[in-house]
């Protein structure tokens, strides 16, 4: 699944590529067969498309597959060995631990000057410079420096000759003409090693930008084991792609002023990676939900009906397909549009229209069906029967008359009627709901509620 952190990184890269007339490169780093499946690749591509990063755009290139460049990876590793910038090593973890007295210390350079030839099982290590430091020029982090003495002679090819990720990544970037690398800060520790490899291969390193880590409400890094982190999960729940894009763009960066809700085109125009804040970014689901509500309310009526469609049919809808009526939903859709913050909430607002019987919430029933409710429902059914036009205003006037006869305000009189008809104490405006439900079904539900009360239910 596509992590929201990866989605943010992709959006930042996309903005920079489009601003500069450059290219966004999608590369599938698939050399680890256990972590690579075709359906996962399709998922990445579809997730990117959902947030507006499309292969149809001229700024998009790929997908490239790291495995297809294996020959170049091997060629680069051999060239580094031939240039004296790498050497073969036959040390194992066990022999290293015996020499150093610990399994957790870095490599001690034992094979650096042994001039071993290649044999199966011997890893190829990069010869890190003994002195000086590696300075990473980072658009977000400034210029962090790393003493070369603290960088061990790291492995660039395994014992079977296959290059490790660090080298493969650099070679692919070189071959694909990558000039800017915008990624999560967890990769910063790899950067001095990669920069040394760029220089060893005779190339100028790219511009680096390491984005702040995204954390949850406890200031812990978002984890797929603990948090909801998959972009697909949010979209499946009914968060609009436009709202997700808007919110993700603001995780570490802002357009200035009090502006937050902005179309992507404006966010792209204003975005500057050098203005990204280096501090951790809080993924606030409540704020995301508020953003989503704003985007839902901004939809046209037709667009809102279309957006809700997946939740009004199988497998999401709790009613049989034949029970659903698009025209009935369209009649109440504007009322629901102002109330929901996530599209998946729509079913709980309109299920009473399409179910044979309302699903009575026990707490709502107990709250509404107090002493006097039975008589109120009987009288309401009687006056509703006589209403000449089944439209909101006459229905309201009819219930007002019943409320007055009981010495109640309209709001108090609505509660048992609402629960009898919709099953809940909150929902869409009552009289518009009754109008959409129709006279026959409304009266039937009032009668059914009377029977339940007579039988002592609630």
Protein backbone atom coordinates (compact mmCIF):
# COMPACT_ATOMS: atom_id res chain seq x y z
CA UNK A 1 0.00 0.00 0.00
CA UNK A 2 1.12 3.56 -0.73
CA UNK A 3 2.28 5.29 2.48
CA UNK A 4 1.04 8.87 2.97
CA UNK A 5 4.66 9.87 3.54
CA UNK A 6 5.56 8.51 0.13
CA UNK A 7 2.58 10.35 -1.32
CA UNK A 8 3.82 13.63 0.15
CA UNK A 9 7.33 13.05 -1.21
CA UNK A 10 5.85 12.27 -4.62
CA UNK A 11 3.76 15.46 -4.59
CA UNK A 12 6.77 17.61 -3.68
CA UNK A 13 8.84 16.00 -6.46
CA UNK A 14 5.94 16.45 -8.87
CA UNK A 15 5.60 20.14 -8.02
CA UNK A 16 9.30 20.79 -8.52
CA UNK A 17 9.39 18.85 -11.80
CA UNK A 18 6.42 20.74 -13.23
CA UNK A 19 7.62 24.14 -12.01
CA UNK A 20 11.01 23.70 -13.63
CA UNK A 21 9.86 22.03 -16.82
CA UNK A 22 11.65 18.92 -15.63
CA UNK A 23 10.75 15.27 -15.30
CA UNK A 24 9.30 13.23 -12.46
CA UNK A 25 10.95 9.81 -12.57
CA UNK A 26 9.09 6.79 -11.22
CA UNK A 27 11.49 3.95 -10.55
CA UNK A 28 10.46 0.61 -9.10
CA UNK A 29 13.36 -0.64 -7.00
CA UNK A 30 12.55 -4.32 -7.44
CA UNK A 31 15.82 -6.13 -6.84
CA UNK A 32 14.40 -7.71 -3.67
CA UNK A 33 12.08 -10.34 -5.18
CA UNK A 34 10.32 -11.02 -1.87
CA UNK A 35 9.15 -7.40 -1.71
CA UNK A 36 8.10 -7.10 -5.33
CA UNK A 37 4.81 -8.21 -6.88
CA UNK A 38 3.12 -6.99 -10.07
CA UNK A 39 -0.06 -6.04 -8.23
CA UNK A 40 1.94 -3.85 -5.83
CA UNK A 41 3.44 -2.01 -8.79
CA UNK A 42 -0.04 -1.47 -10.23
CA UNK A 43 -1.08 -0.17 -6.81
CA UNK A 44 1.71 2.42 -6.79
CA UNK A 45 0.80 3.63 -10.26
CA UNK A 46 -2.92 3.86 -9.48
CA UNK A 47 -2.26 5.60 -6.15
CA UNK A 48 -0.09 8.19 -7.89
CA UNK A 49 -2.78 8.70 -10.52
CA UNK A 50 -5.37 9.24 -7.77
CA UNK A 51 -3.40 12.24 -6.47
CA UNK A 52 -2.89 13.68 -9.95
CA UNK A 53 0.52 12.24 -10.83
CA UNK A 54 -0.27 10.59 -14.13
CA UNK A 55 1.80 8.74 -16.69
CA UNK A 56 -0.17 10.64 -19.33
CA UNK A 57 1.48 13.91 -18.26
CA UNK A 58 4.58 14.93 -20.29
CA UNK A 59 6.46 15.57 -17.03
CA UNK A 60 6.12 11.90 -16.03
CA UNK A 61 8.71 9.29 -16.96
CA UNK A 62 8.66 5.60 -16.15
CA UNK A 63 8.11 3.29 -14.58
CA UNK A 64 11.69 2.14 -14.78
CA UNK A 65 12.69 -1.10 -13.09
CA UNK A 66 15.91 -1.32 -11.15
CA UNK A 67 16.28 -5.00 -12.02
CA UNK A 68 16.52 -4.09 -15.72
CA UNK A 69 19.75 -2.17 -15.03
CA UNK A 70 21.58 -5.02 -13.30
CA UNK A 71 24.35 -5.17 -15.92
CA UNK A 72 25.16 -1.49 -15.42
CA UNK A 73 25.21 -1.95 -11.65
CA UNK A 74 27.75 -4.74 -11.98
CA UNK A 75 29.79 -2.74 -14.49
CA UNK A 76 29.96 0.20 -12.07
CA UNK A 77 31.06 -2.01 -9.18
CA UNK A 78 33.86 -3.51 -11.29
CA UNK A 79 34.99 -0.08 -12.46
CA UNK A 80 35.31 1.09 -8.86
CA UNK A 81 37.41 -1.99 -8.06
CA UNK A 82 39.64 -1.47 -11.07
CA UNK A 83 40.17 2.16 -10.07
CA UNK A 84 41.29 1.10 -6.59
CA UNK A 85 38.24 2.68 -5.00
CA UNK A 86 36.83 -0.63 -3.77
CA UNK A 87 38.27 -3.93 -2.56
CA UNK A 88 37.13 -7.49 -1.95
CA UNK A 89 36.59 -8.71 1.58
CA UNK A 90 36.18 -12.25 2.91
CA UNK A 91 35.27 -11.25 6.47
CA UNK A 92 32.13 -12.72 7.94
CA UNK A 93 30.06 -11.37 10.81
CA UNK A 94 31.54 -14.04 13.02
CA UNK A 95 35.19 -13.26 12.22
CA UNK A 96 34.52 -9.53 12.55
CA UNK A 97 32.87 -10.08 15.95
CA UNK A 98 35.87 -12.15 17.10
CA UNK A 99 38.28 -9.36 16.13
CA UNK A 100 36.27 -6.46 17.52
CA UNK A 101 34.66 -8.23 20.44
CA UNK A 102 31.17 -7.09 19.33
CA UNK A 103 28.63 -7.85 16.63
CA UNK A 104 27.49 -4.24 16.68
CA UNK A 105 30.69 -2.39 15.77
CA UNK A 106 31.30 -1.26 12.20
CA UNK A 107 33.76 -2.82 9.80
CA UNK A 108 37.37 -2.48 10.95
CA UNK A 109 39.05 -2.34 7.51
CA UNK A 110 40.80 -5.69 7.92
CA UNK A 111 40.83 -6.52 4.18
CA UNK A 112 41.53 -2.99 2.95
CA UNK A 113 45.14 -3.69 1.97
CA UNK A 114 45.03 -7.45 1.41
CA UNK A 115 44.37 -7.00 -2.33
CA UNK A 116 42.12 -10.03 -2.50
CA UNK A 117 40.85 -11.12 -5.94
CA UNK A 118 37.18 -11.79 -6.49
CA UNK A 119 35.92 -15.18 -5.41
CA UNK A 120 32.33 -16.24 -4.77
CA UNK A 121 31.42 -15.25 -1.25
CA UNK A 122 33.69 -12.20 -1.13
CA UNK A 123 31.89 -8.89 -0.82
CA UNK A 124 33.09 -5.72 -2.52
CA UNK A 125 33.62 -2.79 -0.14
CA UNK A 126 33.96 0.89 -1.00
CA UNK A 127 37.23 2.43 0.15
CA UNK A 128 36.01 5.41 2.18
CA UNK A 129 38.54 8.27 2.28
CA UNK A 130 40.59 8.20 5.49
CA UNK A 131 40.50 11.92 6.12
CA UNK A 132 38.25 14.90 5.68
CA UNK A 133 34.51 15.02 5.74
CA UNK A 134 31.59 14.64 3.38
CA UNK A 135 29.35 17.69 3.31
CA UNK A 136 25.78 17.17 2.09
CA UNK A 137 24.24 20.32 0.65
CA UNK A 138 20.58 19.88 1.54
CA UNK A 139 17.81 22.34 0.64
CA UNK A 140 15.95 21.50 3.87
CA UNK A 141 18.74 20.55 6.29
CA UNK A 142 21.41 23.07 5.34
CA UNK A 143 24.89 21.54 5.07
CA UNK A 144 25.24 18.64 7.50
CA UNK A 145 28.76 17.25 7.54
CA UNK A 146 29.86 13.68 8.16
CA UNK A 147 33.46 12.87 9.16
CA UNK A 148 34.77 10.28 6.75
CA UNK A 149 36.42 8.53 9.69
CA UNK A 150 32.91 7.73 10.97
CA UNK A 151 31.84 6.14 7.67
CA UNK A 152 32.92 2.51 7.49
CA UNK A 153 34.10 0.86 4.28
CA UNK A 154 30.59 -0.14 3.27
CA UNK A 155 29.58 -3.04 1.04
CA UNK A 156 28.61 -2.13 -2.53
CA UNK A 157 28.34 -5.67 -3.97
CA UNK A 158 27.42 -8.94 -2.30
CA UNK A 159 29.36 -12.16 -2.30
CA UNK A 160 27.53 -13.30 -5.44
CA UNK A 161 28.55 -10.13 -7.27
CA UNK A 162 25.15 -8.47 -7.17
CA UNK A 163 25.33 -4.78 -6.21
CA UNK A 164 23.54 -3.60 -3.08
CA UNK A 165 20.87 -0.92 -3.06
CA UNK A 166 23.22 2.00 -2.32
CA UNK A 167 25.21 1.47 -5.50
CA UNK A 168 22.24 0.45 -7.65
CA UNK A 169 20.40 3.58 -6.57
CA UNK A 170 23.30 5.88 -7.54
CA UNK A 171 23.85 4.18 -10.90
CA UNK A 172 20.15 4.37 -11.74
CA UNK A 173 20.04 8.06 -10.82
CA UNK A 174 23.03 8.69 -13.05
CA UNK A 175 21.59 6.77 -15.98
CA UNK A 176 18.18 8.41 -15.65
CA UNK A 177 19.60 11.92 -15.40
CA UNK A 178 18.33 12.61 -11.90
CA UNK A 179 19.42 16.07 -10.72
CA UNK A 180 17.25 16.51 -7.61
CA UNK A 181 16.45 13.95 -4.93
CA UNK A 182 13.57 14.90 -2.61
CA UNK A 183 12.88 12.17 -0.06
CA UNK A 184 12.22 11.40 3.60
CA UNK A 185 14.78 12.26 6.26
CA UNK A 186 15.23 8.58 7.16
CA UNK A 187 17.45 8.42 4.05
CA UNK A 188 19.76 11.20 5.23
CA UNK A 189 22.12 8.73 6.94
CA UNK A 190 22.65 6.99 3.56
CA UNK A 191 23.35 10.23 1.74
CA UNK A 192 27.08 10.70 2.53
CA UNK A 193 27.75 7.17 1.26
CA UNK A 194 25.75 7.81 -1.89
CA UNK A 195 27.48 11.15 -2.39
CA UNK A 196 30.88 9.46 -2.13
CA UNK A 197 29.75 6.96 -4.78
CA UNK A 198 28.56 9.75 -7.10
CA UNK A 199 31.97 11.40 -6.80
CA UNK A 200 33.84 8.11 -7.20
CA UNK A 201 31.93 7.48 -10.45
CA UNK A 202 33.05 10.89 -11.71
CA UNK A 203 29.70 12.64 -11.41
CA UNK A 204 28.35 15.70 -9.62
CA UNK A 205 25.92 14.65 -6.86
CA UNK A 206 22.31 15.77 -7.20
CA UNK A 207 20.62 18.45 -5.16
CA UNK A 208 19.41 16.79 -1.95
CA UNK A 209 16.30 17.64 0.05
CA UNK A 210 15.35 15.48 3.04
CA UNK A 211 11.79 16.02 4.19
CA UNK A 212 10.70 15.98 7.84
CA UNK A 213 9.39 12.76 9.29
CA UNK A 214 5.58 12.51 9.64
CA UNK A 215 4.40 11.71 13.16
CA UNK A 216 1.14 10.79 14.90
CA UNK A 217 -0.55 12.60 17.81
CA UNK A 218 1.98 11.04 20.22
CA UNK A 219 4.84 12.43 18.13
CA UNK A 220 5.80 8.93 17.07
CA UNK A 221 6.81 8.28 13.48
CA UNK A 222 3.81 7.03 11.51
CA UNK A 223 3.97 3.25 11.46
CA UNK A 224 1.94 0.85 9.36
CA UNK A 225 1.85 -1.48 12.36
CA UNK A 226 0.21 1.12 14.58
CA UNK A 227 -1.31 3.89 12.45
CA UNK A 228 -3.48 4.16 9.38
CA UNK A 229 -0.86 5.16 6.83
CA UNK A 230 -2.02 3.88 3.43
CA UNK A 231 -3.29 6.49 0.99
CA UNK A 232 -5.66 3.86 -0.45
CA UNK A 233 -7.30 3.37 2.96
CA UNK A 234 -8.15 7.06 3.22
CA UNK A 235 -9.51 7.18 -0.33
CA UNK A 236 -11.56 4.03 0.33
CA UNK A 237 -13.04 5.67 3.41
CA UNK A 238 -14.25 8.62 1.37
CA UNK A 239 -11.54 11.23 1.60
CA UNK A 240 -11.46 13.12 -1.68
CA UNK A 241 -8.16 12.98 -3.61
CA UNK A 242 -8.15 16.78 -3.87
CA UNK A 243 -8.42 17.12 -0.08
CA UNK A 244 -5.67 14.54 0.47
CA UNK A 245 -3.37 16.39 -1.94
CA UNK A 246 -4.07 19.74 -0.28
CA UNK A 247 -3.43 18.35 3.20
CA UNK A 248 -0.32 16.34 2.29
CA UNK A 249 1.26 19.37 0.61
CA UNK A 250 1.01 21.23 3.93
CA UNK A 251 2.85 18.57 5.98
CA UNK A 252 6.04 20.53 6.49
CA UNK A 253 5.35 23.47 4.19
CA UNK A 254 2.86 26.29 3.94
CA UNK A 255 1.89 28.83 1.28
CA UNK A 256 2.17 31.75 3.69
CA UNK A 257 -0.44 33.81 5.48
CA UNK A 258 -3.55 32.09 6.77
CA UNK A 259 -4.23 30.26 3.52
CA UNK A 260 -4.63 26.51 3.73
CA UNK A 261 -7.48 25.38 1.48
CA UNK A 262 -6.04 25.93 -1.99
CA UNK A 263 -6.34 24.11 -5.33
CA UNK A 264 -3.35 22.05 -6.33
CA UNK A 265 -2.45 24.39 -9.19
CA UNK A 266 -1.99 27.22 -6.71
CA UNK A 267 -0.08 25.03 -4.26
CA UNK A 268 2.21 23.90 -7.07
CA UNK A 269 2.87 27.48 -8.14
CA UNK A 270 3.75 28.59 -4.61
CA UNK A 271 5.70 25.53 -3.46
CA UNK A 272 9.41 25.91 -2.77
CA UNK A 273 11.25 22.91 -1.38
CA UNK A 274 13.77 25.19 0.33
CA UNK A 275 10.89 26.58 2.42
CA UNK A 276 10.04 23.15 3.88
CA UNK A 277 10.37 23.11 7.67
CA UNK A 278 12.84 20.56 8.97
CA UNK A 279 10.81 19.78 12.10
CA UNK A 280 8.58 16.72 12.24
CA UNK A 281 5.12 17.12 10.70
CA UNK A 282 2.02 16.03 12.63
CA UNK A 283 -0.46 13.98 10.60
CA UNK A 284 -3.64 15.34 12.18
CA UNK A 285 -6.54 13.15 11.05
CA UNK A 286 -9.06 15.61 12.55
CA UNK A 287 -7.62 18.43 10.47
CA UNK A 288 -7.57 16.24 7.36
CA UNK A 289 -11.22 15.41 7.98
CA UNK A 290 -12.06 19.11 8.32
CA UNK A 291 -10.26 19.75 5.02
CA UNK A 292 -12.25 16.96 3.43
CA UNK A 293 -15.51 18.42 4.67
CA UNK A 294 -14.61 21.74 3.06
CA UNK A 295 -13.92 20.01 -0.24
CA UNK A 296 -17.16 18.03 -0.05
CA UNK A 297 -19.19 21.18 0.53
CA UNK A 298 -17.48 22.83 -2.44
CA UNK A 299 -18.66 20.11 -4.86
CA UNK A 300 -21.47 20.89 -7.27
CA UNK A 301 -24.71 19.01 -6.49
CA UNK A 302 -24.17 16.64 -9.41
CA UNK A 303 -20.54 16.06 -8.47
CA UNK A 304 -21.56 15.29 -4.90
CA UNK A 305 -24.14 12.72 -6.04
CA UNK A 306 -21.51 11.10 -8.27
CA UNK A 307 -18.90 11.10 -5.49
CA UNK A 308 -21.33 9.34 -3.13
CA UNK A 309 -22.28 6.69 -5.68
CA UNK A 310 -19.74 4.03 -4.55
CA UNK A 311 -21.14 4.14 -1.00
CA UNK A 312 -24.73 3.82 -2.16
CA UNK A 313 -24.23 0.50 -3.90
CA UNK A 314 -22.77 -2.90 -3.02
CA UNK A 315 -20.66 -3.74 -1.12
CA UNK A 316 -20.89 -0.56 0.96
CA UNK A 317 -24.66 -0.04 1.06
CA UNK A 318 -26.67 -1.96 3.70
CA UNK A 319 -29.73 -2.21 1.44
CA UNK A 320 -30.39 -4.42 -1.61
CA UNK A 321 -29.57 -2.77 -4.96
CA UNK A 322 -33.22 -2.79 -6.07
CA UNK A 323 -34.16 -0.61 -3.09
CA UNK A 324 -31.96 2.29 -4.10
CA UNK A 325 -33.54 5.21 -5.95
CA UNK A 326 -31.18 7.82 -7.40
CA UNK A 327 -33.90 10.45 -7.65
CA UNK A 328 -34.80 10.05 -3.97
CA UNK A 329 -31.16 10.40 -2.96
CA UNK A 330 -30.72 13.44 -5.20
CA UNK A 331 -33.65 15.11 -3.44
CA UNK A 332 -31.88 15.00 -0.07
CA UNK A 333 -28.28 15.11 -1.28
CA UNK A 334 -27.85 18.89 -0.76
CA UNK A 335 -28.95 18.45 2.88
CA UNK A 336 -26.44 15.64 3.43
CA UNK A 337 -23.66 17.51 1.66
CA UNK A 338 -23.53 20.16 4.37
CA UNK A 339 -23.33 17.55 7.14
CA UNK A 340 -20.82 14.90 6.19
CA UNK A 341 -17.04 15.24 6.38
CA UNK A 342 -16.18 11.86 4.82
CA UNK A 343 -18.13 10.28 1.96
CA UNK A 344 -18.53 6.96 3.77
CA UNK A 345 -20.75 8.74 6.31
CA UNK A 346 -23.46 9.15 3.69
CA UNK A 347 -25.05 5.74 4.24
CA UNK A 348 -25.91 6.46 7.88
CA UNK A 349 -27.71 9.65 6.82
CA UNK A 350 -29.87 8.12 4.11
CA UNK A 351 -30.23 4.42 4.99
CA UNK A 352 -33.76 5.01 6.35
CA UNK A 353 -34.87 5.91 2.83
CA UNK A 354 -33.81 2.61 1.27
CA UNK A 355 -34.16 0.03 4.04
CA UNK A 356 -37.52 -1.69 4.50
CA UNK A 357 -37.42 -0.76 8.18
CA UNK A 358 -35.23 1.76 10.01
CA UNK A 359 -32.45 0.43 12.18
CA UNK A 360 -33.33 1.74 15.62
CA UNK A 361 -30.36 2.86 17.64
CA UNK A 362 -31.02 1.67 21.22
CA UNK A 363 -29.62 4.79 22.85
CA UNK A 364 -31.64 7.03 20.56
CA UNK A 365 -34.81 5.02 21.24
CA UNK A 366 -34.34 5.24 25.02
CA UNK A 367 -33.65 8.97 24.81
CA UNK A 368 -36.64 9.84 22.61
CA UNK A 369 -39.35 7.40 23.64
CA UNK A 370 -40.12 8.75 27.09
CA UNK A 371 -43.45 9.16 28.84
CA UNK A 372 -46.02 10.68 26.49
CA UNK A 373 -44.24 9.51 23.33
CA UNK A 374 -46.92 6.95 22.46
CA UNK A 375 -49.75 9.49 22.54
CA UNK A 376 -47.65 12.01 20.61
CA UNK A 377 -46.91 9.48 17.86
CA UNK A 378 -50.63 8.54 17.55
CA UNK A 379 -51.66 12.16 17.23
CA UNK A 380 -48.85 12.89 14.78
CA UNK A 381 -49.93 9.98 12.59
CA UNK A 382 -53.48 11.31 12.62
CA UNK A 383 -52.57 14.86 11.57
CA UNK A 384 -50.04 13.59 9.01
CA UNK A 385 -52.77 11.44 7.47
CA UNK A 386 -54.82 14.57 6.89
CA UNK A 387 -51.98 16.72 5.44
CA UNK A 388 -53.15 17.67 1.93
CA UNK A 389 -49.66 18.02 0.43
CA UNK A 390 -46.80 15.77 1.48
CA UNK A 391 -44.14 18.49 1.46
CA UNK A 392 -41.98 19.89 4.28
CA UNK A 393 -43.90 23.04 5.33
CA UNK A 394 -47.35 21.48 5.88
CA UNK A 395 -45.70 18.57 7.71
CA UNK A 396 -43.91 21.02 9.98
CA UNK A 397 -47.10 22.92 10.69
CA UNK A 398 -48.93 19.67 11.50
CA UNK A 399 -46.30 18.59 14.03
CA UNK A 400 -46.22 22.08 15.54
CA UNK A 401 -49.91 21.74 16.29
CA UNK A 402 -49.34 18.42 18.04
CA UNK A 403 -46.41 19.86 19.99
CA UNK A 404 -48.51 22.81 21.14
CA UNK A 405 -51.25 20.49 22.40
CA UNK A 406 -48.63 18.73 24.54
CA UNK A 407 -47.06 21.96 25.74
CA UNK A 408 -43.84 21.11 23.94
CA UNK A 409 -41.49 23.03 21.72
CA UNK A 410 -41.18 21.68 18.20
CA UNK A 411 -37.68 20.27 18.86
CA UNK A 412 -38.95 18.09 21.71
CA UNK A 413 -41.86 16.81 19.63
CA UNK A 414 -39.58 15.97 16.71
CA UNK A 415 -37.42 13.53 18.67
CA UNK A 416 -39.82 10.54 18.93
CA UNK A 417 -41.03 11.11 15.36
CA UNK A 418 -37.46 11.20 14.04
CA UNK A 419 -36.44 8.03 15.87
CA UNK A 420 -39.62 6.22 14.79
CA UNK A 421 -39.02 7.08 11.13
CA UNK A 422 -35.21 7.19 10.76
CA UNK A 423 -34.01 5.17 13.76
CA UNK A 424 -31.77 7.96 15.12
CA UNK A 425 -32.02 11.21 17.06
CA UNK A 426 -29.76 13.06 14.60
CA UNK A 427 -29.75 13.17 10.85
CA UNK A 428 -31.08 15.18 7.95
CA UNK A 429 -33.74 17.84 8.56
CA UNK A 430 -36.84 15.94 9.66
CA UNK A 431 -39.52 17.34 7.39
CA UNK A 432 -37.43 17.09 4.23
CA UNK A 433 -36.67 13.49 5.29
CA UNK A 434 -40.38 12.71 5.67
CA UNK A 435 -41.13 14.28 2.30
CA UNK A 436 -38.49 12.09 0.64
CA UNK A 437 -39.68 8.95 2.44
CA UNK A 438 -43.30 9.46 1.38
CA UNK A 439 -46.65 9.43 3.17
CA UNK A 440 -47.30 5.69 3.14
CA UNK A 441 -43.91 4.62 4.50
CA UNK A 442 -43.83 7.39 7.10
CA UNK A 443 -47.25 6.47 8.49
CA UNK A 444 -46.31 2.79 8.51
CA UNK A 445 -43.22 3.51 10.58
CA UNK A 446 -45.11 5.68 13.04
CA UNK A 447 -47.63 2.85 13.49
CA UNK A 448 -44.82 0.31 13.95
CA UNK A 449 -43.23 2.48 16.63
CA UNK A 450 -46.60 2.78 18.41
CA UNK A 451 -46.85 -1.01 18.46
CA UNK A 452 -43.38 -1.32 19.94
CA UNK A 453 -44.25 1.18 22.65
CA UNK A 454 -47.53 -0.56 23.40
CA UNK A 455 -45.59 -3.78 23.79
CA UNK A 456 -43.20 -2.16 26.23
CA UNK A 457 -40.14 -1.86 23.94
CA UNK A 458 -37.68 0.74 25.26
